[in-house]
Amino acid sequence: MISKTCGYAIRGILLLALEGNRERKLGIQEIAEELKVPQHFMGKIMQELVRKGLILSVKGPHGGFYPKTDVLEISLIQIVEAIDGLNILRKCFLGREECSSENPCPMHDDFDKCRSAIFQIFESKKIGELINNVEDNLTFIST
């Protein structure tokens, strides 16, 4: 449903939120190693998150990425929108150019219910909720 890039973005923000300390900035090498993601790819993702205003960064020898003060309130839909765009949640399941209630594909009605449920989850789920499960070792952001 979401791209691998978007999954990495969510994990990157979670890692920054777990760090939670605005004094300590995480370098891209540290982020990439922790999440086991190629460094160059992760760097592009993190820069895009900075451009979209979801995280902050500082350049230089003591620079790196760090969370905004409201990081726990960021919803997953904000990250999906920043990385994949919301059209990813509107695409036809069978890949048709035009798929709607007026011009449905054979899977439209069934998939529309799933798509709506996924959208609602992404809209309501916040980084703060996800971080609690990671801190309690109920879920994990890296292998």
Protein backbone atom coordinates (compact mmCIF):
# COMPACT_ATOMS: atom_id res chain seq x y z
CA MET A 1 0.00 0.00 0.00
CA ILE A 2 2.75 2.47 0.88
CA SER A 3 6.18 2.51 -0.75
CA LYS A 4 9.35 1.18 0.80
CA THR A 5 10.55 4.78 0.86
CA CYS A 6 7.56 5.79 2.96
CA GLY A 7 8.16 2.89 5.35
CA TYR A 8 11.76 4.05 5.79
CA ALA A 9 10.54 7.61 6.40
CA ILE A 10 8.18 6.46 9.15
CA ARG A 11 10.97 4.42 10.75
CA GLY A 12 13.35 7.39 10.50
CA ILE A 13 10.94 9.71 12.27
CA LEU A 14 10.30 7.04 14.91
CA LEU A 15 14.03 6.75 15.54
CA LEU A 16 14.34 10.52 15.99
CA ALA A 17 11.30 10.54 18.27
CA LEU A 18 12.79 7.72 20.35
CA GLU A 19 15.97 9.72 20.71
CA GLY A 20 13.73 12.62 21.72
CA ASN A 21 16.66 14.78 22.73
CA ARG A 22 16.95 17.93 20.64
CA GLU A 23 20.47 18.41 21.98
CA ARG A 24 21.74 15.25 20.30
CA LYS A 25 21.35 15.22 16.56
CA LEU A 26 21.59 11.95 14.66
CA GLY A 27 23.85 11.80 11.63
CA ILE A 28 22.70 10.02 8.52
CA GLN A 29 25.26 7.25 8.98
CA GLU A 30 23.94 6.49 12.45
CA ILE A 31 20.33 6.52 11.24
CA ALA A 32 21.07 4.29 8.26
CA GLU A 33 23.06 1.80 10.36
CA GLU A 34 20.41 1.62 13.08
CA LEU A 35 17.60 1.05 10.58
CA LYS A 36 19.71 -1.11 8.24
CA VAL A 37 18.88 1.09 5.25
CA PRO A 38 21.36 2.21 2.54
CA GLN A 39 22.87 5.47 3.73
CA HIS A 40 22.50 7.41 0.46
CA PHE A 41 18.84 6.40 0.13
CA MET A 42 18.07 7.24 3.76
CA GLY A 43 19.80 10.61 3.36
CA LYS A 44 17.47 11.56 0.50
CA ILE A 45 14.44 10.48 2.52
CA MET A 46 15.47 12.46 5.59
CA GLN A 47 16.17 15.57 3.49
CA GLU A 48 12.70 15.27 1.97
CA LEU A 49 11.19 15.08 5.47
CA VAL A 50 13.10 18.26 6.36
CA ARG A 51 11.83 20.00 3.20
CA LYS A 52 8.26 18.99 4.08
CA GLY A 53 8.70 20.37 7.61
CA LEU A 54 8.26 17.08 9.49
CA ILE A 55 11.75 17.02 11.03
CA LEU A 56 14.65 19.45 11.44
CA SER A 57 18.32 19.34 10.56
CA VAL A 58 21.51 21.28 11.07
CA LYS A 59 24.50 21.13 8.73
CA GLY A 60 28.08 20.97 9.84
CA PRO A 61 30.38 18.87 12.02
CA HIS A 62 27.93 18.82 14.94
CA GLY A 63 24.89 18.68 12.72
CA GLY A 64 22.38 16.01 11.95
CA PHE A 65 18.68 15.35 12.12
CA TYR A 66 16.43 15.90 15.12
CA PRO A 67 12.72 15.85 15.87
CA LYS A 68 10.43 18.85 16.00
CA THR A 69 8.91 19.55 19.40
CA ASP A 70 5.55 18.25 18.19
CA VAL A 71 6.95 15.03 16.68
CA LEU A 72 4.66 12.83 18.80
CA GLU A 73 1.62 14.49 17.20
CA ILE A 74 2.65 13.74 13.61
CA SER A 75 0.14 11.38 12.02
CA LEU A 76 1.13 8.65 9.61
CA ILE A 77 -0.99 10.29 6.91
CA GLN A 78 1.27 13.37 7.10
CA ILE A 79 4.29 11.18 6.36
CA VAL A 80 2.50 9.28 3.59
CA GLU A 81 1.45 12.58 2.02
CA ALA A 82 5.00 13.97 2.25
CA ILE A 83 6.67 10.93 0.69
CA ASP A 84 4.16 9.11 -1.54
CA GLY A 85 1.37 11.66 -1.87
CA LEU A 86 -2.22 10.82 -1.06
CA ASN A 87 -2.91 9.48 -4.55
CA ILE A 88 -1.24 6.24 -3.46
CA LEU A 89 -4.35 5.64 -1.36
CA ARG A 90 -6.67 6.48 -4.24
CA LYS A 91 -5.18 4.34 -7.00
CA CYS A 92 -7.13 1.60 -8.68
CA PHE A 93 -6.36 -1.84 -7.29
CA LEU A 94 -6.13 -3.21 -10.83
CA GLY A 95 -4.09 -0.28 -12.14
CA ARG A 96 -6.76 1.38 -14.28
CA GLU A 97 -6.28 5.07 -15.09
CA GLU A 98 -9.82 5.97 -14.16
CA CYS A 99 -11.58 4.04 -11.41
CA SER A 100 -14.47 5.52 -9.48
CA SER A 101 -17.99 4.75 -8.29
CA GLU A 102 -19.22 5.87 -11.72
CA ASN A 103 -16.57 3.91 -13.64
CA PRO A 104 -15.53 1.05 -11.31
CA CYS A 105 -13.12 -1.80 -11.88
CA PRO A 106 -14.27 -5.30 -10.83
CA MET A 107 -12.54 -4.86 -7.44
CA HIS A 108 -13.58 -1.24 -6.78
CA ASP A 109 -16.30 -1.74 -4.18
CA ASP A 110 -14.32 -4.28 -2.13
CA PHE A 111 -11.06 -2.40 -2.33
CA ASP A 112 -12.70 0.95 -1.59
CA LYS A 113 -13.72 -0.33 1.86
CA CYS A 114 -10.16 -1.46 2.59
CA ARG A 115 -8.69 1.76 1.27
CA SER A 116 -11.02 3.82 3.50
CA ALA A 117 -10.08 1.75 6.55
CA ILE A 118 -6.36 2.14 5.83
CA PHE A 119 -6.77 5.89 5.30
CA GLN A 120 -8.56 6.20 8.65
CA ILE A 121 -5.80 4.27 10.43
CA PHE A 122 -3.07 6.43 8.87
CA GLU A 123 -5.01 9.57 9.72
CA SER A 124 -5.60 8.66 13.36
CA LYS A 125 -2.31 6.90 14.22
CA LYS A 126 0.30 9.26 15.65
CA ILE A 127 4.05 8.83 16.11
CA GLY A 128 3.49 9.08 19.88
CA GLU A 129 1.32 5.95 19.84
CA LEU A 130 3.83 3.98 17.78
CA ILE A 131 6.73 5.05 19.95
CA ASN A 132 5.05 3.71 23.10
CA ASN A 133 4.96 0.18 21.67
CA VAL A 134 8.61 0.42 20.58
CA GLU A 135 9.68 1.65 24.03
CA ASP A 136 7.77 -1.22 25.63
CA ASN A 137 9.52 -3.69 23.26
CA LEU A 138 6.16 -4.74 21.79
CA THR A 139 7.16 -3.58 18.28
CA PHE A 140 10.48 -2.90 16.56
CA ILE A 141 11.78 -0.45 13.96
CA SER A 142 14.87 -2.44 12.95
CA THR A 143 15.86 -6.06 12.74
